Amino acid sequence: MAKTTRLEDVAKEAHVSLSTASKALHGKPRVNPETRQRILAVADQLNYSPNKLAQSLAKGMSGTIGLVTSDLQGRFSTPILIGAENELRAQSTSVLLANARGDAALERQHVEKLLSLKVDGLLIVQRETNPRPSLGHDYGVPLVYVYGPSTDPEDCSVTCDNVDAGRTAVNHLISCGKHKIAIIGGDETFTAATDRAKGSLEALSEFGLEPAGPLRYGSWDESWGRAATRLLLDQNVDFDAVICQNDQLARGCIDALKQQGLSIPEDVAVIGHDNWEVLTKGSRPSLTSISNETEAIGGRAARYLMDAINGNVHHGVDYVPCRLIQRESTLPLD
């Protein structure tokens, strides 16, 4: 089977960098005319998508963008993709999807492959909200980082506002008449956990309150939710509500409270995060949770990418507000 020519092959044969080859093949400025012609000649000689190349240069745009995700399960990337496609549909722009499986080297390979297909821009999607290193600025097309923001302030990133989500959880529980609020944290190495805690602690302080019992961090699973709740009960902490930093923790918390014979939400209200419907609607009682609004994040990221493609580049991190979905675990629904 004949080997497929890659952008890297064109760059090597033309004795230029990958970024220069990409700029030349996308008709971008700041490439010496002689160098551009040499790169185009090499691309033609190596049969590097010559028809697509001609069409791309003639039209100036291919009408496609690339989306590279590191989300193995698709739990966050799927609604992000849906949001992006909804935004792009009206502009006759298609999305090419690649899964980097959390591997930085594979991510760069996918970026290179998508560039070889003449995408007009790239959405780089992470599976968590931890900041990530920038891929740089020399690809000849704009990049927008989604969910996991770039650490480079010159890049454009769109993610959810986890600090505000922590505040929202407290404000909701206060509105339900709860004032002795415990917090069960997820993995402290994730900024989602520390940001949500920051927002909750700030909101409690504004009401003149402190968390009921210590704020403990642990794994993101139901077993830690159960264990952390049992610690609150065994240590006789006086609490009437629990903020759990994801829905798995909340399900574990509800299990432990039920085993103790406590009524939810009358004795203790419980709120989760992520609005993972397989958990929130299957819970008994159904679980109040905070949605990361990933579809809205995808739509906004796609809009910013199209802005950049059209010359209006955005910089910095844009935080999309999360949204609370009330169910029976915080207020009985009559």
C-alpha atoms as a PDB file:
ATOM      1  CA  MET A   1       0.000   0.000   0.000  1.00  0.00           C
ATOM      2  CA  ALA A   2       1.394   3.387  -0.975  1.00  0.00           C
ATOM      3  CA  LYS A   3       2.334   5.640   1.894  1.00  0.00           C
ATOM      4  CA  THR A   4       0.082   8.682   2.328  1.00  0.00           C
ATOM      5  CA  THR A   5       1.997  11.929   1.994  1.00  0.00           C
ATOM      6  CA  ARG A   6       1.824  14.024   5.124  1.00  0.00           C
ATOM      7  CA  LEU A   7       2.286  17.733   5.696  1.00  0.00           C
ATOM      8  CA  GLU A   8       5.501  16.816   7.500  1.00  0.00           C
ATOM      9  CA  ASP A   9       6.810  15.167   4.299  1.00  0.00           C
ATOM     10  CA  VAL A  10       6.125  18.297   2.273  1.00  0.00           C
ATOM     11  CA  ALA A  11       7.872  20.488   4.860  1.00  0.00           C
ATOM     12  CA  LYS A  12      10.914  18.189   4.964  1.00  0.00           C
ATOM     13  CA  GLU A  13      11.241  17.988   1.184  1.00  0.00           C
ATOM     14  CA  ALA A  14      10.858  21.768   0.826  1.00  0.00           C
ATOM     15  CA  HIS A  15      13.361  22.382   3.662  1.00  0.00           C
ATOM     16  CA  VAL A  16      10.927  24.489   5.695  1.00  0.00           C
ATOM     17  CA  SER A  17       9.233  24.223   9.077  1.00  0.00           C
ATOM     18  CA  LEU A  18       5.845  22.558   9.520  1.00  0.00           C
ATOM     19  CA  SER A  19       4.258  25.916  10.311  1.00  0.00           C
ATOM     20  CA  THR A  20       5.708  27.551   7.160  1.00  0.00           C
ATOM     21  CA  ALA A  21       4.426  24.689   5.012  1.00  0.00           C
ATOM     22  CA  SER A  22       0.972  24.993   6.594  1.00  0.00           C
ATOM     23  CA  LYS A  23       0.876  28.764   6.053  1.00  0.00           C
ATOM     24  CA  ALA A  24       1.928  28.422   2.417  1.00  0.00           C
ATOM     25  CA  LEU A  25      -0.630  25.714   1.656  1.00  0.00           C
ATOM     26  CA  HIS A  26      -3.384  27.765   3.314  1.00  0.00           C
ATOM     27  CA  GLY A  27      -2.501  30.912   1.390  1.00  0.00           C
ATOM     28  CA  LYS A  28      -1.576  32.744   4.595  1.00  0.00           C
ATOM     29  CA  PRO A  29       0.648  35.865   4.639  1.00  0.00           C
ATOM     30  CA  ARG A  30       4.244  36.219   5.894  1.00  0.00           C
ATOM     31  CA  VAL A  31       5.634  33.545   3.581  1.00  0.00           C
ATOM     32  CA  ASN A  32       8.282  34.495   1.029  1.00  0.00           C
ATOM     33  CA  PRO A  33       6.769  34.175  -2.508  1.00  0.00           C
ATOM     34  CA  GLU A  34       9.664  31.999  -3.717  1.00  0.00           C
ATOM     35  CA  THR A  35       9.328  29.781  -0.646  1.00  0.00           C
ATOM     36  CA  ARG A  36       5.568  29.504  -1.198  1.00  0.00           C
ATOM     37  CA  GLN A  37       6.041  28.434  -4.818  1.00  0.00           C
ATOM     38  CA  ARG A  38       8.644  25.861  -3.786  1.00  0.00           C
ATOM     39  CA  ILE A  39       6.281  24.403  -1.173  1.00  0.00           C
ATOM     40  CA  LEU A  40       3.393  24.266  -3.668  1.00  0.00           C
ATOM     41  CA  ALA A  41       5.644  22.569  -6.221  1.00  0.00           C
ATOM     42  CA  VAL A  42       6.779  19.981  -3.659  1.00  0.00           C
ATOM     43  CA  ALA A  43       3.168  19.355  -2.618  1.00  0.00           C
ATOM     44  CA  ASP A  44       2.228  18.758  -6.248  1.00  0.00           C
ATOM     45  CA  GLN A  45       5.267  16.528  -6.822  1.00  0.00           C
ATOM     46  CA  LEU A  46       4.411  14.402  -3.760  1.00  0.00           C
ATOM     47  CA  ASN A  47       0.710  14.210  -4.728  1.00  0.00           C
ATOM     48  CA  TYR A  48      -0.168  15.941  -1.499  1.00  0.00           C
ATOM     49  CA  SER A  49      -3.944  16.406  -1.942  1.00  0.00           C
ATOM     50  CA  PRO A  50      -3.412  18.421  -5.169  1.00  0.00           C
ATOM     51  CA  ASN A  51      -7.110  18.748  -6.027  1.00  0.00           C
ATOM     52  CA  LYS A  52      -8.118  19.771  -2.538  1.00  0.00           C
ATOM     53  CA  LEU A  53      -5.165  22.127  -2.443  1.00  0.00           C
ATOM     54  CA  ALA A  54      -6.248  23.848  -5.626  1.00  0.00           C
ATOM     55  CA  GLN A  55      -9.812  24.153  -4.398  1.00  0.00           C
ATOM     56  CA  SER A  56      -8.680  25.461  -1.035  1.00  0.00           C
ATOM     57  CA  LEU A  57      -6.443  28.110  -2.522  1.00  0.00           C
ATOM     58  CA  ALA A  58      -9.072  29.133  -5.047  1.00  0.00           C
ATOM     59  CA  LYS A  59     -11.824  29.512  -2.448  1.00  0.00           C
ATOM     60  CA  GLY A  60      -9.608  30.668   0.389  1.00  0.00           C
ATOM     61  CA  MET A  61     -11.505  28.332   2.766  1.00  0.00           C
ATOM     62  CA  SER A  62     -12.278  24.623   2.845  1.00  0.00           C
ATOM     63  CA  GLY A  63     -15.536  24.900   4.766  1.00  0.00           C
ATOM     64  CA  THR A  64     -14.304  22.462   7.411  1.00  0.00           C
ATOM     65  CA  ILE A  65     -12.879  22.746  10.900  1.00  0.00           C
ATOM     66  CA  GLY A  66     -11.136  20.071  12.951  1.00  0.00           C
ATOM     67  CA  LEU A  67     -12.097  19.018  16.471  1.00  0.00           C
ATOM     68  CA  VAL A  68      -9.497  17.087  18.460  1.00  0.00           C
ATOM     69  CA  THR A  69     -10.799  15.656  21.726  1.00  0.00           C
ATOM     70  CA  SER A  70      -9.076  13.898  24.618  1.00  0.00           C
ATOM     71  CA  ASP A  71     -12.361  12.667  26.098  1.00  0.00           C
ATOM     72  CA  LEU A  72     -12.400   8.875  25.878  1.00  0.00           C
ATOM     73  CA  GLN A  73     -16.043   8.442  26.889  1.00  0.00           C
ATOM     74  CA  GLY A  74     -17.540  11.343  24.968  1.00  0.00           C
ATOM     75  CA  ARG A  75     -19.412  12.469  28.066  1.00  0.00           C
ATOM     76  CA  PHE A  76     -18.267  16.058  27.689  1.00  0.00           C
ATOM     77  CA  SER A  77     -17.000  16.138  24.100  1.00  0.00           C
ATOM     78  CA  THR A  78     -20.258  14.858  22.580  1.00  0.00           C
ATOM     79  CA  PRO A  79     -22.406  17.802  23.748  1.00  0.00           C
ATOM     80  CA  ILE A  80     -19.520  20.157  22.922  1.00  0.00           C
ATOM     81  CA  LEU A  81     -19.507  18.721  19.384  1.00  0.00           C
ATOM     82  CA  ILE A  82     -23.289  19.082  19.142  1.00  0.00           C
ATOM     83  CA  GLY A  83     -23.056  22.709  20.256  1.00  0.00           C
ATOM     84  CA  ALA A  84     -20.297  23.407  17.747  1.00  0.00           C
ATOM     85  CA  GLU A  85     -22.197  21.751  14.888  1.00  0.00           C
ATOM     86  CA  ASN A  86     -25.363  23.695  15.725  1.00  0.00           C
ATOM     87  CA  GLU A  87     -23.399  26.938  15.521  1.00  0.00           C
ATOM     88  CA  LEU A  88     -21.595  25.971  12.308  1.00  0.00           C
ATOM     89  CA  ARG A  89     -24.552  24.505  10.436  1.00  0.00           C
ATOM     90  CA  ALA A  90     -25.874  27.900   9.378  1.00  0.00           C
ATOM     91  CA  GLN A  91     -22.455  28.762   7.967  1.00  0.00           C
ATOM     92  CA  SER A  92     -22.189  25.593   5.845  1.00  0.00           C
ATOM     93  CA  THR A  93     -19.131  24.495   7.808  1.00  0.00           C
ATOM     94  CA  SER A  94     -18.474  20.832   8.631  1.00  0.00           C
ATOM     95  CA  VAL A  95     -16.568  19.288  11.550  1.00  0.00           C
ATOM     96  CA  LEU A  96     -13.889  16.592  11.286  1.00  0.00           C
ATOM     97  CA  LEU A  97     -13.473  14.727  14.596  1.00  0.00           C
ATOM     98  CA  ALA A  98     -10.331  13.053  15.967  1.00  0.00           C
ATOM     99  CA  ASN A  99      -9.780  11.403  19.380  1.00  0.00           C
ATOM    100  CA  ALA A 100      -6.350  11.946  20.931  1.00  0.00           C
ATOM    101  CA  ARG A 101      -7.160   9.622  23.877  1.00  0.00           C
ATOM    102  CA  GLY A 102      -5.373  11.901  26.327  1.00  0.00           C
ATOM    103  CA  ASP A 103      -2.028  11.410  24.536  1.00  0.00           C
ATOM    104  CA  ALA A 104      -0.161  14.675  23.807  1.00  0.00           C
ATOM    105  CA  ALA A 105       1.879  13.139  20.977  1.00  0.00           C
ATOM    106  CA  LEU A 106      -1.240  11.670  19.354  1.00  0.00           C
ATOM    107  CA  GLU A 107      -2.945  15.035  19.723  1.00  0.00           C
ATOM    108  CA  ARG A 108      -0.197  16.701  17.688  1.00  0.00           C
ATOM    109  CA  GLN A 109      -0.399  13.958  15.053  1.00  0.00           C
ATOM    110  CA  HIS A 110      -4.135  14.569  14.732  1.00  0.00           C
ATOM    111  CA  VAL A 111      -3.540  18.318  14.428  1.00  0.00           C
ATOM    112  CA  GLU A 112      -1.056  17.675  11.631  1.00  0.00           C
ATOM    113  CA  LYS A 113      -3.441  15.313   9.858  1.00  0.00           C
ATOM    114  CA  LEU A 114      -6.319  17.769  10.071  1.00  0.00           C
ATOM    115  CA  LEU A 115      -4.078  20.537   8.743  1.00  0.00           C
ATOM    116  CA  SER A 116      -3.244  18.271   5.805  1.00  0.00           C
ATOM    117  CA  LEU A 117      -6.993  18.096   5.094  1.00  0.00           C
ATOM    118  CA  LYS A 118      -7.028  21.908   4.826  1.00  0.00           C
ATOM    119  CA  VAL A 119      -9.262  22.636   7.804  1.00  0.00           C
ATOM    120  CA  ASP A 120      -9.857  26.350   8.330  1.00  0.00           C
ATOM    121  CA  GLY A 121      -9.358  26.125  12.094  1.00  0.00           C
ATOM    122  CA  LEU A 122      -9.153  23.762  15.052  1.00  0.00           C
ATOM    123  CA  LEU A 123     -11.111  23.192  18.262  1.00  0.00           C
ATOM    124  CA  ILE A 124      -8.936  21.498  20.894  1.00  0.00           C
ATOM    125  CA  VAL A 125     -11.182  19.818  23.480  1.00  0.00           C
ATOM    126  CA  GLN A 126     -10.018  18.483  26.855  1.00  0.00           C
ATOM    127  CA  ARG A 127     -11.825  15.960  29.058  1.00  0.00           C
ATOM    128  CA  GLU A 128     -11.399  18.109  32.184  1.00  0.00           C
ATOM    129  CA  THR A 129     -11.115  21.803  33.012  1.00  0.00           C
ATOM    130  CA  ASN A 130      -7.473  21.725  34.116  1.00  0.00           C
ATOM    131  CA  PRO A 131      -5.430  24.354  32.219  1.00  0.00           C
ATOM    132  CA  ARG A 132      -3.217  22.812  29.543  1.00  0.00           C
ATOM    133  CA  PRO A 133      -0.082  23.850  27.604  1.00  0.00           C
ATOM    134  CA  SER A 134      -0.593  25.765  24.381  1.00  0.00           C
ATOM    135  CA  LEU A 135       0.104  24.040  21.082  1.00  0.00           C
ATOM    136  CA  GLY A 136       1.646  27.277  19.793  1.00  0.00           C
ATOM    137  CA  HIS A 137       0.705  29.821  17.172  1.00  0.00           C
ATOM    138  CA  ASP A 138       2.458  28.652  14.004  1.00  0.00           C
ATOM    139  CA  TYR A 139      -0.102  26.430  12.309  1.00  0.00           C
ATOM    140  CA  GLY A 140      -1.407  28.973   9.830  1.00  0.00           C
ATOM    141  CA  VAL A 141      -4.978  28.509  11.095  1.00  0.00           C
ATOM    142  CA  PRO A 142      -6.617  29.653  14.354  1.00  0.00           C
ATOM    143  CA  LEU A 143      -7.056  27.348  17.338  1.00  0.00           C
ATOM    144  CA  VAL A 144      -9.629  27.596  20.116  1.00  0.00           C
ATOM    145  CA  TYR A 145      -9.222  25.563  23.311  1.00  0.00           C
ATOM    146  CA  VAL A 146     -12.413  24.105  24.735  1.00  0.00           C
ATOM    147  CA  TYR A 147     -13.187  22.982  28.311  1.00  0.00           C
ATOM    148  CA  GLY A 148      -9.491  22.733  29.270  1.00  0.00           C
ATOM    149  CA  PRO A 149      -8.183  26.296  28.752  1.00  0.00           C
ATOM    150  CA  SER A 150      -4.743  27.076  27.387  1.00  0.00           C
ATOM    151  CA  THR A 151      -2.209  28.536  29.821  1.00  0.00           C
ATOM    152  CA  ASP A 152      -1.191  31.077  27.139  1.00  0.00           C
ATOM    153  CA  PRO A 153      -3.260  34.281  27.498  1.00  0.00           C
ATOM    154  CA  GLU A 154      -2.758  34.958  23.787  1.00  0.00           C
ATOM    155  CA  ASP A 155      -4.802  31.847  22.967  1.00  0.00           C
ATOM    156  CA  CYS A 156      -8.595  31.800  22.923  1.00  0.00           C
ATOM    157  CA  SER A 157     -10.197  29.389  25.395  1.00  0.00           C
ATOM    158  CA  VAL A 158     -13.796  28.669  26.422  1.00  0.00           C
ATOM    159  CA  THR A 159     -14.663  26.752  29.592  1.00  0.00           C
ATOM    160  CA  CYS A 160     -17.243  26.617  32.380  1.00  0.00           C
ATOM    161  CA  ASP A 161     -17.221  28.906  35.416  1.00  0.00           C
ATOM    162  CA  ASN A 162     -16.559  26.460  38.253  1.00  0.00           C
ATOM    163  CA  VAL A 163     -16.059  29.203  40.847  1.00  0.00           C
ATOM    164  CA  ASP A 164     -19.505  30.603  40.121  1.00  0.00           C
ATOM    165  CA  ALA A 165     -20.898  27.047  40.200  1.00  0.00           C
ATOM    166  CA  GLY A 166     -19.671  26.679  43.789  1.00  0.00           C
ATOM    167  CA  ARG A 167     -21.398  29.926  44.708  1.00  0.00           C
ATOM    168  CA  THR A 168     -24.589  28.826  42.950  1.00  0.00           C
ATOM    169  CA  ALA A 169     -24.738  25.637  45.020  1.00  0.00           C
ATOM    170  CA  VAL A 170     -24.556  27.576  48.295  1.00  0.00           C
ATOM    171  CA  ASN A 171     -27.070  30.217  47.209  1.00  0.00           C
ATOM    172  CA  HIS A 172     -29.551  27.526  46.193  1.00  0.00           C
ATOM    173  CA  LEU A 173     -29.258  25.654  49.487  1.00  0.00           C
ATOM    174  CA  ILE A 174     -29.646  28.884  51.463  1.00  0.00           C
ATOM    175  CA  SER A 175     -32.792  29.607  49.454  1.00  0.00           C
ATOM    176  CA  CYS A 176     -34.055  26.166  50.518  1.00  0.00           C
ATOM    177  CA  GLY A 177     -33.668  27.154  54.176  1.00  0.00           C
ATOM    178  CA  LYS A 178     -30.422  25.234  54.769  1.00  0.00           C
ATOM    179  CA  HIS A 179     -27.607  26.899  56.730  1.00  0.00           C
ATOM    180  CA  LYS A 180     -25.383  24.063  58.005  1.00  0.00           C
ATOM    181  CA  ILE A 181     -23.760  23.110  54.723  1.00  0.00           C
ATOM    182  CA  ALA A 182     -21.040  20.463  54.376  1.00  0.00           C
ATOM    183  CA  ILE A 183     -18.835  20.121  51.288  1.00  0.00           C
ATOM    184  CA  ILE A 184     -17.516  16.848  49.856  1.00  0.00           C
ATOM    185  CA  GLY A 185     -14.734  17.569  47.386  1.00  0.00           C
ATOM    186  CA  GLY A 186     -13.431  15.612  44.441  1.00  0.00           C
ATOM    187  CA  ASP A 187      -9.785  15.107  43.506  1.00  0.00           C
ATOM    188  CA  GLU A 188      -7.836  18.163  44.686  1.00  0.00           C
ATOM    189  CA  THR A 189      -5.422  17.901  41.729  1.00  0.00           C
ATOM    190  CA  PHE A 190      -8.298  19.003  39.466  1.00  0.00           C
ATOM    191  CA  THR A 191      -8.958  22.735  39.249  1.00  0.00           C
ATOM    192  CA  ALA A 192     -12.665  21.902  39.029  1.00  0.00           C
ATOM    193  CA  ALA A 193     -12.518  20.743  42.661  1.00  0.00           C
ATOM    194  CA  THR A 194     -10.548  23.707  44.013  1.00  0.00           C
ATOM    195  CA  ASP A 195     -12.482  26.265  41.940  1.00  0.00           C
ATOM    196  CA  ARG A 196     -15.869  24.909  43.063  1.00  0.00           C
ATOM    197  CA  ALA A 197     -14.645  24.897  46.663  1.00  0.00           C
ATOM    198  CA  LYS A 198     -13.417  28.490  46.311  1.00  0.00           C
ATOM    199  CA  GLY A 199     -16.831  29.653  45.096  1.00  0.00           C
ATOM    200  CA  SER A 200     -18.696  27.772  47.828  1.00  0.00           C
ATOM    201  CA  LEU A 201     -16.453  29.080  50.612  1.00  0.00           C
ATOM    202  CA  GLU A 202     -16.752  32.653  49.333  1.00  0.00           C
ATOM    203  CA  ALA A 203     -20.549  32.399  49.217  1.00  0.00           C
ATOM    204  CA  LEU A 204     -20.736  30.881  52.711  1.00  0.00           C
ATOM    205  CA  SER A 205     -18.530  33.682  54.036  1.00  0.00           C
ATOM    206  CA  GLU A 206     -20.841  36.300  52.543  1.00  0.00           C
ATOM    207  CA  PHE A 207     -23.676  34.784  54.596  1.00  0.00           C
ATOM    208  CA  GLY A 208     -21.468  34.788  57.707  1.00  0.00           C
ATOM    209  CA  LEU A 209     -21.217  30.999  57.616  1.00  0.00           C
ATOM    210  CA  GLU A 210     -18.470  28.385  57.633  1.00  0.00           C
ATOM    211  CA  PRO A 211     -18.771  24.891  56.164  1.00  0.00           C
ATOM    212  CA  ALA A 212     -20.206  22.236  58.451  1.00  0.00           C
ATOM    213  CA  GLY A 213     -17.240  20.016  59.250  1.00  0.00           C
ATOM    214  CA  PRO A 214     -13.969  19.955  57.304  1.00  0.00           C
ATOM    215  CA  LEU A 215     -13.875  20.226  53.518  1.00  0.00           C
ATOM    216  CA  ARG A 216     -12.396  16.889  52.492  1.00  0.00           C
ATOM    217  CA  TYR A 217     -11.085  16.022  49.029  1.00  0.00           C
ATOM    218  CA  GLY A 218     -10.989  12.522  47.562  1.00  0.00           C
ATOM    219  CA  SER A 219     -11.704  10.539  44.409  1.00  0.00           C
ATOM    220  CA  TRP A 220     -14.593  11.417  42.086  1.00  0.00           C
ATOM    221  CA  ASP A 221     -16.557   8.211  42.752  1.00  0.00           C
ATOM    222  CA  GLU A 222     -19.539   7.020  44.792  1.00  0.00           C
ATOM    223  CA  SER A 223     -17.358   5.173  47.312  1.00  0.00           C
ATOM    224  CA  TRP A 224     -15.717   8.439  48.405  1.00  0.00           C
ATOM    225  CA  GLY A 225     -19.143  10.084  48.575  1.00  0.00           C
ATOM    226  CA  ARG A 226     -20.290   7.345  50.963  1.00  0.00           C
ATOM    227  CA  ALA A 227     -17.081   7.403  53.010  1.00  0.00           C
ATOM    228  CA  ALA A 228     -16.987  11.191  53.367  1.00  0.00           C
ATOM    229  CA  THR A 229     -20.642  11.241  54.443  1.00  0.00           C
ATOM    230  CA  ARG A 230     -20.039   8.506  57.025  1.00  0.00           C
ATOM    231  CA  LEU A 231     -17.171  10.607  58.421  1.00  0.00           C
ATOM    232  CA  LEU A 232     -19.553  13.543  58.853  1.00  0.00           C
ATOM    233  CA  LEU A 233     -22.067  11.275  60.613  1.00  0.00           C
ATOM    234  CA  ASP A 234     -19.533   9.400  62.762  1.00  0.00           C
ATOM    235  CA  GLN A 235     -17.949  12.657  63.929  1.00  0.00           C
ATOM    236  CA  ASN A 236     -21.383  14.039  64.864  1.00  0.00           C
ATOM    237  CA  VAL A 237     -21.096  17.023  62.541  1.00  0.00           C
ATOM    238  CA  ASP A 238     -24.281  19.084  62.630  1.00  0.00           C
ATOM    239  CA  PHE A 239     -25.298  19.519  58.975  1.00  0.00           C
ATOM    240  CA  ASP A 240     -28.534  19.929  57.032  1.00  0.00           C
ATOM    241  CA  ALA A 241     -27.130  20.038  53.484  1.00  0.00           C
ATOM    242  CA  VAL A 242     -24.217  18.623  51.487  1.00  0.00           C
ATOM    243  CA  ILE A 243     -22.574  20.083  48.384  1.00  0.00           C
ATOM    244  CA  CYS A 244     -21.036  17.220  46.409  1.00  0.00           C
ATOM    245  CA  GLN A 245     -18.664  18.285  43.668  1.00  0.00           C
ATOM    246  CA  ASN A 246     -19.963  15.762  41.163  1.00  0.00           C
ATOM    247  CA  ASP A 247     -22.978  13.505  40.738  1.00  0.00           C
ATOM    248  CA  GLN A 248     -21.177  10.269  41.648  1.00  0.00           C
ATOM    249  CA  LEU A 249     -20.201  11.754  45.013  1.00  0.00           C
ATOM    250  CA  ALA A 250     -23.805  12.849  45.531  1.00  0.00           C
ATOM    251  CA  ARG A 251     -25.151   9.368  44.802  1.00  0.00           C
ATOM    252  CA  GLY A 252     -22.751   7.901  47.359  1.00  0.00           C
ATOM    253  CA  CYS A 253     -23.719  10.591  49.852  1.00  0.00           C
ATOM    254  CA  ILE A 254     -27.432   9.837  49.418  1.00  0.00           C
ATOM    255  CA  ASP A 255     -26.766   6.110  49.972  1.00  0.00           C
ATOM    256  CA  ALA A 256     -24.977   6.800  53.267  1.00  0.00           C
ATOM    257  CA  LEU A 257     -27.670   9.196  54.480  1.00  0.00           C
ATOM    258  CA  LYS A 258     -30.417   6.687  53.698  1.00  0.00           C
ATOM    259  CA  GLN A 259     -28.537   3.935  55.554  1.00  0.00           C
ATOM    260  CA  GLN A 260     -28.590   6.235  58.584  1.00  0.00           C
ATOM    261  CA  GLY A 261     -32.370   6.602  58.255  1.00  0.00           C
ATOM    262  CA  LEU A 262     -32.215  10.269  57.260  1.00  0.00           C
ATOM    263  CA  SER A 263     -34.800  11.798  54.931  1.00  0.00           C
ATOM    264  CA  ILE A 264     -33.704  13.716  51.830  1.00  0.00           C
ATOM    265  CA  PRO A 265     -34.202  16.673  51.516  1.00  0.00           C
ATOM    266  CA  GLU A 266     -36.160  17.171  54.773  1.00  0.00           C
ATOM    267  CA  ASP A 267     -33.273  16.177  57.087  1.00  0.00           C
ATOM    268  CA  VAL A 268     -30.403  16.750  54.665  1.00  0.00           C
ATOM    269  CA  ALA A 269     -30.489  18.339  51.192  1.00  0.00           C
ATOM    270  CA  VAL A 270     -27.946  17.087  48.638  1.00  0.00           C
ATOM    271  CA  ILE A 271     -26.703  18.793  45.478  1.00  0.00           C
ATOM    272  CA  GLY A 272     -24.383  17.348  42.824  1.00  0.00           C
ATOM    273  CA  HIS A 273     -22.527  18.679  39.795  1.00  0.00           C
ATOM    274  CA  ASP A 274     -22.290  17.713  36.075  1.00  0.00           C
ATOM    275  CA  ASN A 275     -25.997  16.938  35.593  1.00  0.00           C
ATOM    276  CA  TRP A 276     -25.172  13.459  34.343  1.00  0.00           C
ATOM    277  CA  GLU A 277     -28.737  12.355  33.695  1.00  0.00           C
ATOM    278  CA  VAL A 278     -28.103   8.630  34.055  1.00  0.00           C
ATOM    279  CA  LEU A 279     -27.325   9.456  37.702  1.00  0.00           C
ATOM    280  CA  THR A 280     -29.473  12.494  38.435  1.00  0.00           C
ATOM    281  CA  LYS A 281     -32.760  11.106  37.120  1.00  0.00           C
ATOM    282  CA  GLY A 282     -32.069   7.570  38.306  1.00  0.00           C
ATOM    283  CA  SER A 283     -31.351   8.725  41.839  1.00  0.00           C
ATOM    284  CA  ARG A 284     -34.010   8.366  44.547  1.00  0.00           C
ATOM    285  CA  PRO A 285     -34.852  11.119  45.244  1.00  0.00           C
ATOM    286  CA  SER A 286     -33.913  12.645  41.900  1.00  0.00           C
ATOM    287  CA  LEU A 287     -30.734  14.683  42.231  1.00  0.00           C
ATOM    288  CA  THR A 288     -30.444  18.454  41.990  1.00  0.00           C
ATOM    289  CA  SER A 289     -27.283  19.137  40.000  1.00  0.00           C
ATOM    290  CA  ILE A 290     -25.325  21.870  38.256  1.00  0.00           C
ATOM    291  CA  SER A 291     -24.858  21.604  34.508  1.00  0.00           C
ATOM    292  CA  ASN A 292     -21.548  22.643  32.960  1.00  0.00           C
ATOM    293  CA  GLU A 293     -23.483  23.820  29.877  1.00  0.00           C
ATOM    294  CA  THR A 294     -21.074  21.965  27.601  1.00  0.00           C
ATOM    295  CA  GLU A 295     -23.316  22.402  24.555  1.00  0.00           C
ATOM    296  CA  ALA A 296     -23.258  26.169  25.066  1.00  0.00           C
ATOM    297  CA  ILE A 297     -19.470  25.989  25.498  1.00  0.00           C
ATOM    298  CA  GLY A 298     -19.164  24.167  22.157  1.00  0.00           C
ATOM    299  CA  GLY A 299     -21.372  26.714  20.420  1.00  0.00           C
ATOM    300  CA  ARG A 300     -19.460  29.678  21.774  1.00  0.00           C
ATOM    301  CA  ALA A 301     -16.084  28.113  20.968  1.00  0.00           C
ATOM    302  CA  ALA A 302     -17.190  27.459  17.382  1.00  0.00           C
ATOM    303  CA  ARG A 303     -18.428  31.042  17.089  1.00  0.00           C
ATOM    304  CA  TYR A 304     -15.095  32.384  18.338  1.00  0.00           C
ATOM    305  CA  LEU A 305     -13.232  30.102  15.931  1.00  0.00           C
ATOM    306  CA  MET A 306     -15.263  31.379  12.978  1.00  0.00           C
ATOM    307  CA  ASP A 307     -14.625  34.933  14.170  1.00  0.00           C
ATOM    308  CA  ALA A 308     -10.881  34.214  14.131  1.00  0.00           C
ATOM    309  CA  ILE A 309     -11.088  32.610  10.680  1.00  0.00           C
ATOM    310  CA  ASN A 310     -12.750  35.819   9.509  1.00  0.00           C
ATOM    311  CA  GLY A 311     -10.059  38.009  11.067  1.00  0.00           C
ATOM    312  CA  ASN A 312     -11.609  38.849  14.456  1.00  0.00           C
ATOM    313  CA  VAL A 313      -9.370  36.981  16.893  1.00  0.00           C
ATOM    314  CA  HIS A 314     -10.362  36.515  20.552  1.00  0.00           C
ATOM    315  CA  HIS A 315      -7.813  36.156  23.349  1.00  0.00           C
ATOM    316  CA  GLY A 316      -7.897  34.890  26.920  1.00  0.00           C
ATOM    317  CA  VAL A 317     -10.335  32.611  28.732  1.00  0.00           C
ATOM    318  CA  ASP A 318     -14.090  33.057  28.395  1.00  0.00           C
ATOM    319  CA  TYR A 319     -16.087  31.475  31.238  1.00  0.00           C
ATOM    320  CA  VAL A 320     -19.584  30.188  30.427  1.00  0.00           C
ATOM    321  CA  PRO A 321     -21.921  30.262  33.475  1.00  0.00           C
ATOM    322  CA  CYS A 322     -23.084  26.908  34.782  1.00  0.00           C
ATOM    323  CA  ARG A 323     -26.805  26.273  35.349  1.00  0.00           C
ATOM    324  CA  LEU A 324     -28.585  24.693  38.309  1.00  0.00           C
ATOM    325  CA  ILE A 325     -31.258  22.075  37.594  1.00  0.00           C
ATOM    326  CA  GLN A 326     -33.441  21.637  40.662  1.00  0.00           C
ATOM    327  CA  ARG A 327     -34.818  18.211  41.488  1.00  0.00           C
ATOM    328  CA  GLU A 328     -36.150  16.457  44.575  1.00  0.00           C
ATOM    329  CA  SER A 329     -32.890  16.165  46.569  1.00  0.00           C
ATOM    330  CA  THR A 330     -32.955  19.835  47.598  1.00  0.00           C
ATOM    331  CA  LEU A 331     -36.683  20.668  47.613  1.00  0.00           C
ATOM    332  CA  PRO A 332     -39.617  18.295  47.489  1.00  0.00           C
ATOM    333  CA  LEU A 333     -41.441  18.776  44.195  1.00  0.00           C
ATOM    334  CA  ASP A 334     -45.201  18.837  44.825  1.00  0.00           C
END
